[in-house]
């Protein structure tokens, strides 16, 4: 593979795509700017300084952090389940967050904490609560806990989705507000959302990199990992918590954005191999770059109208994932 002969090639291409996406996201929008005006706004207080520094730049950075968080969460869960079809929402994170956001509209909560709405906080808390409940239920089965966790998460997610649909049926007037959570958007993003998610993403990346060797052992099977000195149960709890934390914060600030946590780690594994140390790192970087590009398309393709970013990721991700699954010579567990 070319990445094995030229290990610098993938990082170089990824860095180029990331820088290009961030620069174009700052430049392109409803208000047209030249590169000179962009430079002046960034460094010298030009006439477009507020647009650049308070609208476009935080939106681009938030898109990068959310994409990186979802991709890292997906890479963790694919290793956790030893299944490359796993993604951050498979345990019901998205369904739980949607239920919390719509429930906030249903009961009319309007308070804010640290500048974040009741919708964001309730979406975050219900997603964490749902996954915790799924874990506690599945833990009662000592054997084949991974399969039990997976199936319990699917069932719990279906129940949460049903409750969400019922609440929307009761409050049809709240549907437009709920679309933000159902389809994903960065239209309301700002620096406060960036600073909310950044420390948790950075912490999760550092911790996952530190324990990547343990994840490599888990890939050999719980019995083998245990015999090699890996504390299987504690390690699994840690990685499940990290994956849920990343996905929950992503949903809280941007709504539900599918496929990033599925196709990005899946694709990166083909390039860097199964070792989770580079896999975690490059999945995060690739997911961030991908979502910045998707957000750029979402807000400029039909300008001045904006497409929900979840529509873009699904439109791009679904056919690409089908191609990956049917790539000749590749096998997926």
Protein backbone atom coordinates (compact mmCIF):
# COMPACT_ATOMS: atom_id res chain seq x y z
CA UNK A 1 0.00 0.00 0.00
CA UNK A 2 1.27 3.50 -0.81
CA UNK A 3 0.87 4.70 2.77
CA UNK A 4 3.32 1.98 3.85
CA UNK A 5 5.92 3.00 1.25
CA UNK A 6 5.36 6.74 1.86
CA UNK A 7 4.13 7.19 5.45
CA UNK A 8 4.25 10.98 5.08
CA UNK A 9 1.79 11.05 2.18
CA UNK A 10 -1.48 10.59 4.09
CA UNK A 11 -0.66 13.16 6.83
CA UNK A 12 0.44 15.65 4.16
CA UNK A 13 -2.75 15.28 2.13
CA UNK A 14 -4.85 15.44 5.28
CA UNK A 15 -3.11 18.62 6.47
CA UNK A 16 -3.58 20.23 3.04
CA UNK A 17 -7.29 19.36 2.93
CA UNK A 18 -7.82 20.62 6.49
CA UNK A 19 -6.12 23.98 5.91
CA UNK A 20 -7.96 24.45 2.60
CA UNK A 21 -11.32 23.65 4.22
CA UNK A 22 -10.78 26.08 7.09
CA UNK A 23 -9.60 28.90 4.82
CA UNK A 24 -12.46 28.45 2.37
CA UNK A 25 -14.97 28.28 5.23
CA UNK A 26 -13.73 31.65 6.45
CA UNK A 27 -13.77 33.22 2.97
CA UNK A 28 -16.92 31.88 1.34
CA UNK A 29 -20.40 32.92 2.43
CA UNK A 30 -23.30 35.25 1.76
CA UNK A 31 -20.92 38.20 2.06
CA UNK A 32 -18.21 37.95 -0.59
CA UNK A 33 -14.64 38.71 0.41
CA UNK A 34 -11.27 38.74 -1.28
CA UNK A 35 -8.27 36.99 0.25
CA UNK A 36 -6.84 40.38 1.16
CA UNK A 37 -10.01 41.25 3.06
CA UNK A 38 -9.93 37.88 4.81
CA UNK A 39 -6.34 38.47 5.92
CA UNK A 40 -7.18 41.97 7.08
CA UNK A 41 -10.20 40.71 9.03
CA UNK A 42 -8.20 37.98 10.72
CA UNK A 43 -5.12 39.98 11.70
CA UNK A 44 -5.64 43.70 11.21
CA UNK A 45 -9.27 44.44 12.15
CA UNK A 46 -10.68 44.97 8.66
CA UNK A 47 -14.31 45.78 7.87
CA UNK A 48 -15.29 42.10 7.90
CA UNK A 49 -13.64 41.34 11.23
CA UNK A 50 -16.92 40.60 13.07
CA UNK A 51 -18.20 38.31 10.31
CA UNK A 52 -14.95 36.37 10.22
CA UNK A 53 -14.14 36.16 13.92
CA UNK A 54 -17.64 35.79 15.36
CA UNK A 55 -19.52 33.88 12.67
CA UNK A 56 -17.43 31.98 10.14
CA UNK A 57 -14.31 31.08 12.12
CA UNK A 58 -16.07 29.64 15.21
CA UNK A 59 -18.45 27.75 12.93
CA UNK A 60 -15.55 26.18 11.02
CA UNK A 61 -13.70 25.28 14.21
CA UNK A 62 -16.84 23.82 15.79
CA UNK A 63 -17.51 21.74 12.68
CA UNK A 64 -13.94 20.43 12.91
CA UNK A 65 -14.26 19.53 16.60
CA UNK A 66 -17.63 17.84 16.13
CA UNK A 67 -16.36 15.84 13.16
CA UNK A 68 -13.24 14.85 15.08
CA UNK A 69 -15.30 13.86 18.13
CA UNK A 70 -17.73 11.73 16.12
CA UNK A 71 -14.94 10.02 14.18
CA UNK A 72 -12.96 9.28 17.34
CA UNK A 73 -16.10 7.98 19.03
CA UNK A 74 -16.74 5.72 16.04
CA UNK A 75 -13.18 4.42 16.04
CA UNK A 76 -13.46 3.60 19.75
CA UNK A 77 -16.77 1.77 19.35
CA UNK A 78 -15.62 -0.17 16.29
CA UNK A 79 -12.71 -1.43 18.37
CA UNK A 80 -14.95 -1.98 21.40
CA UNK A 81 -17.36 -4.21 19.47
CA UNK A 82 -14.70 -5.55 17.09
CA UNK A 83 -17.12 -4.61 14.34
CA UNK A 84 -16.38 -2.00 11.69
CA UNK A 85 -20.11 -1.36 11.23
CA UNK A 86 -20.45 0.20 14.69
CA UNK A 87 -20.91 3.96 14.97
CA UNK A 88 -21.41 6.53 17.78
CA UNK A 89 -25.20 6.35 17.61
CA UNK A 90 -25.56 2.58 17.77
CA UNK A 91 -26.14 2.62 21.54
CA UNK A 92 -28.96 5.14 21.33
CA UNK A 93 -27.03 8.39 21.82
CA UNK A 94 -28.80 10.14 18.95
CA UNK A 95 -32.23 8.83 19.92
CA UNK A 96 -31.73 9.83 23.54
CA UNK A 97 -30.55 13.32 22.56
CA UNK A 98 -33.51 13.80 20.22
CA UNK A 99 -35.89 12.75 22.97
CA UNK A 100 -34.33 15.22 25.40
CA UNK A 101 -34.46 18.12 22.94
CA UNK A 102 -38.07 17.50 21.97
CA UNK A 103 -39.03 16.92 25.62
CA UNK A 104 -37.59 20.34 26.42
CA UNK A 105 -39.89 21.88 23.81
CA UNK A 106 -42.86 19.86 25.04
CA UNK A 107 -42.63 21.04 28.65
CA UNK A 108 -41.61 24.56 27.70
CA UNK A 109 -38.20 24.81 29.36
CA UNK A 110 -36.51 28.15 28.63
CA UNK A 111 -33.64 28.33 31.15
CA UNK A 112 -29.98 28.55 30.26
CA UNK A 113 -26.90 27.34 32.13
CA UNK A 114 -23.43 28.66 31.21
CA UNK A 115 -25.01 30.19 28.14
CA UNK A 116 -26.49 26.94 26.80
CA UNK A 117 -30.19 26.35 26.34
CA UNK A 118 -32.30 23.79 28.13
CA UNK A 119 -32.56 21.94 24.81
CA UNK A 120 -28.80 21.40 24.66
CA UNK A 121 -28.47 20.32 28.27
CA UNK A 122 -31.49 18.02 28.23
CA UNK A 123 -30.30 16.44 24.96
CA UNK A 124 -26.90 15.83 26.51
CA UNK A 125 -28.24 14.43 29.78
CA UNK A 126 -30.84 12.12 28.23
CA UNK A 127 -28.30 10.64 25.83
CA UNK A 128 -25.91 9.90 28.71
CA UNK A 129 -28.76 8.49 30.80
CA UNK A 130 -29.94 6.22 27.99
CA UNK A 131 -26.49 4.76 27.37
CA UNK A 132 -25.91 4.29 31.11
CA UNK A 133 -29.21 2.42 31.35
CA UNK A 134 -28.30 0.27 28.36
CA UNK A 135 -24.95 -0.57 29.93
CA UNK A 136 -26.44 -1.48 33.32
CA UNK A 137 -29.01 -3.75 31.70
CA UNK A 138 -26.48 -5.52 29.48
CA UNK A 139 -23.96 -5.91 32.32
CA UNK A 140 -26.32 -8.35 34.00
CA UNK A 141 -25.38 -10.81 31.27
CA UNK A 142 -21.86 -11.92 32.06
CA UNK A 143 -21.45 -13.81 28.81
CA UNK A 144 -21.21 -12.11 25.42
CA UNK A 145 -21.74 -8.71 26.96
CA UNK A 146 -20.77 -6.94 23.72
CA UNK A 147 -23.65 -8.48 21.80
CA UNK A 148 -26.04 -7.82 24.67
CA UNK A 149 -24.95 -4.18 24.84
CA UNK A 150 -25.37 -3.77 21.11
CA UNK A 151 -28.83 -5.29 20.93
CA UNK A 152 -30.04 -3.53 24.07
CA UNK A 153 -28.83 -0.21 22.63
CA UNK A 154 -30.72 -0.78 19.40
CA UNK A 155 -33.92 -1.60 21.30
CA UNK A 156 -33.54 1.37 23.66
CA UNK A 157 -32.87 3.69 20.73
CA UNK A 158 -36.01 2.47 18.99
CA UNK A 159 -38.07 3.16 22.12
CA UNK A 160 -36.60 6.67 22.45
CA UNK A 161 -37.33 7.36 18.77
CA UNK A 162 -40.93 6.23 19.25
CA UNK A 163 -41.34 8.58 22.23
CA UNK A 164 -39.81 11.43 20.21
CA UNK A 165 -42.25 10.83 17.36
CA UNK A 166 -45.15 10.78 19.83
CA UNK A 167 -44.08 14.11 21.35
CA UNK A 168 -43.75 15.67 17.90
CA UNK A 169 -47.20 14.38 17.03
CA UNK A 170 -48.59 16.10 20.13
CA UNK A 171 -46.74 19.35 19.42
CA UNK A 172 -46.68 19.83 15.66
CA UNK A 173 -45.83 23.49 16.20
CA UNK A 174 -42.48 22.44 17.70
CA UNK A 175 -41.43 20.46 14.65
CA UNK A 176 -39.37 23.23 13.04
CA UNK A 177 -37.36 23.72 16.21
CA UNK A 178 -36.82 19.96 16.51
CA UNK A 179 -35.44 19.74 12.98
CA UNK A 180 -32.15 21.17 14.31
CA UNK A 181 -31.67 18.02 16.38
CA UNK A 182 -33.08 15.62 13.83
CA UNK A 183 -30.94 16.76 10.89
CA UNK A 184 -27.98 18.61 12.42
CA UNK A 185 -26.82 22.17 11.88
CA UNK A 186 -24.08 24.64 12.77
CA UNK A 187 -26.21 27.68 12.07
CA UNK A 188 -26.35 28.67 15.75
CA UNK A 189 -22.71 27.96 16.50
CA UNK A 190 -20.36 30.34 18.30
CA UNK A 191 -17.29 30.43 20.49
CA UNK A 192 -19.17 29.21 23.55
CA UNK A 193 -19.98 25.93 21.78
CA UNK A 194 -16.34 25.63 20.71
CA UNK A 195 -15.09 26.04 24.27
CA UNK A 196 -17.71 23.61 25.55
CA UNK A 197 -16.65 20.70 23.39
CA UNK A 198 -12.91 21.39 22.98
CA UNK A 199 -11.63 20.34 26.45
CA UNK A 200 -13.66 17.11 26.43
CA UNK A 201 -12.48 16.22 22.94
CA UNK A 202 -8.87 16.91 23.86
CA UNK A 203 -9.15 14.88 27.06
CA UNK A 204 -10.81 11.96 25.26
CA UNK A 205 -8.15 11.98 22.52
CA UNK A 206 -5.28 11.96 25.05
CA UNK A 207 -6.84 9.21 27.17
CA UNK A 208 -7.75 7.04 24.17
CA UNK A 209 -4.22 7.39 22.77
CA UNK A 210 -2.75 6.48 26.17
CA UNK A 211 -4.87 3.32 26.41
CA UNK A 212 -4.72 2.41 22.71
CA UNK A 213 -2.53 -0.60 23.51
CA UNK A 214 -5.29 -2.00 25.73
CA UNK A 215 -7.74 -1.60 22.85
CA UNK A 216 -5.35 -3.56 20.64
CA UNK A 217 -5.43 -6.34 23.23
CA UNK A 218 -9.25 -6.27 23.36
CA UNK A 219 -9.26 -6.82 19.61
CA UNK A 220 -7.72 -10.23 20.29
CA UNK A 221 -10.67 -11.23 22.46
CA UNK A 222 -11.48 -10.71 26.13
CA UNK A 223 -9.93 -13.98 27.26
CA UNK A 224 -6.65 -13.34 25.46
CA UNK A 225 -6.55 -9.73 26.66
CA UNK A 226 -7.16 -10.85 30.25
CA UNK A 227 -4.36 -13.40 30.01
CA UNK A 228 -1.99 -10.69 28.77
CA UNK A 229 -2.69 -8.50 31.78
CA UNK A 230 -5.35 -6.16 30.42
CA UNK A 231 -8.09 -5.21 32.96
CA UNK A 232 -10.86 -6.00 30.50
CA UNK A 233 -13.90 -4.75 32.39
CA UNK A 234 -12.33 -1.46 33.52
CA UNK A 235 -10.91 -0.82 30.06
CA UNK A 236 -14.25 -1.47 28.39
CA UNK A 237 -16.02 0.89 30.81
CA UNK A 238 -13.48 3.60 30.14
CA UNK A 239 -13.75 3.39 26.36
CA UNK A 240 -17.54 3.21 26.45
CA UNK A 241 -17.63 6.33 28.62
CA UNK A 242 -15.26 8.20 26.28
CA UNK A 243 -17.24 7.27 23.16
CA UNK A 244 -20.54 8.26 24.77
CA UNK A 245 -19.13 11.53 26.10
CA UNK A 246 -17.81 12.52 22.68
CA UNK A 247 -21.04 11.66 20.86
CA UNK A 248 -23.26 13.30 23.49
CA UNK A 249 -21.41 16.61 23.44
CA UNK A 250 -21.41 16.57 19.64
CA UNK A 251 -25.17 16.09 19.54
CA UNK A 252 -25.66 18.76 22.23
CA UNK A 253 -23.94 21.47 20.18
CA UNK A 254 -24.78 20.44 16.61
CA UNK A 255 -27.65 17.96 16.57
CA UNK A 256 -27.56 14.53 14.95
CA UNK A 257 -24.96 14.14 12.20
CA UNK A 258 -24.76 10.63 10.88
CA UNK A 259 -22.17 8.59 8.97
CA UNK A 260 -19.08 10.54 10.09
CA UNK A 261 -18.36 8.13 12.94
CA UNK A 262 -19.05 5.18 10.64
CA UNK A 263 -17.19 5.80 7.39
CA UNK A 264 -14.22 7.85 8.65
CA UNK A 265 -12.62 5.26 11.01
CA UNK A 266 -13.64 2.57 8.54
CA UNK A 267 -11.72 4.34 5.75
CA UNK A 268 -8.75 5.38 7.87
CA UNK A 269 -8.26 1.76 8.96
CA UNK A 270 -7.64 0.86 5.31
CA UNK A 271 -4.83 3.42 5.18
CA UNK A 272 -3.07 3.24 8.54
CA UNK A 273 -3.92 -0.33 9.54
CA UNK A 274 -5.59 -1.82 12.62
CA UNK A 275 -3.23 -0.40 15.29
CA UNK A 276 -5.49 1.82 17.39
CA UNK A 277 -2.85 4.39 18.31
CA UNK A 278 -2.57 5.89 14.79
CA UNK A 279 -6.15 4.88 14.04
CA UNK A 280 -7.58 7.01 16.85
CA UNK A 281 -5.41 9.99 15.98
CA UNK A 282 -5.94 10.01 12.23
CA UNK A 283 -9.64 9.20 12.51
CA UNK A 284 -10.12 12.34 14.61
CA UNK A 285 -8.16 14.52 12.18
CA UNK A 286 -9.92 13.07 9.14
CA UNK A 287 -13.38 13.40 10.70
CA UNK A 288 -12.72 17.04 11.50
CA UNK A 289 -11.61 17.84 7.96
CA UNK A 290 -14.52 15.94 6.43
CA UNK A 291 -17.16 17.77 8.44
CA UNK A 292 -15.70 21.21 7.66
CA UNK A 293 -15.97 20.40 3.97
CA UNK A 294 -19.52 19.09 4.42
CA UNK A 295 -20.54 22.21 6.33
CA UNK A 296 -19.07 24.38 3.59
CA UNK A 297 -21.22 22.57 1.03
CA UNK A 298 -24.28 22.72 3.31
CA UNK A 299 -24.23 26.50 3.64
CA UNK A 300 -23.09 27.45 0.13
CA UNK A 301 -24.66 24.94 -2.29
CA UNK A 302 -28.05 26.67 -2.26
CA UNK A 303 -27.05 30.00 -0.75
CA UNK A 304 -28.66 31.97 0.85
CA UNK A 305 -30.63 28.89 1.97
CA UNK A 306 -28.81 26.32 4.11
CA UNK A 307 -29.06 22.55 3.89
CA UNK A 308 -28.99 20.59 7.17
CA UNK A 309 -25.54 19.09 7.39
CA UNK A 310 -26.95 15.66 8.25
CA UNK A 311 -28.41 15.56 4.74
CA UNK A 312 -24.96 16.21 3.23
CA UNK A 313 -23.17 13.57 5.31
CA UNK A 314 -25.84 10.98 4.53
CA UNK A 315 -25.81 11.79 0.81
CA UNK A 316 -22.02 11.46 0.68
CA UNK A 317 -21.58 8.76 3.28
CA UNK A 318 -24.14 6.17 2.18
CA UNK A 319 -22.82 5.48 -1.35
CA UNK A 320 -19.20 5.72 -0.18
CA UNK A 321 -19.87 3.21 2.57
CA UNK A 322 -21.53 0.84 0.11
CA UNK A 323 -18.42 1.11 -2.05
CA UNK A 324 -16.17 0.33 0.92
CA UNK A 325 -18.21 -2.73 1.82
CA UNK A 326 -17.87 -4.07 -1.72
CA UNK A 327 -14.23 -3.15 -2.30
CA UNK A 328 -12.63 -6.22 -3.93
CA UNK A 329 -10.17 -8.01 -1.72
CA UNK A 330 -11.28 -6.31 1.51
CA UNK A 331 -12.99 -8.12 4.32
CA UNK A 332 -14.81 -6.57 7.26
CA UNK A 333 -15.66 -8.15 10.54
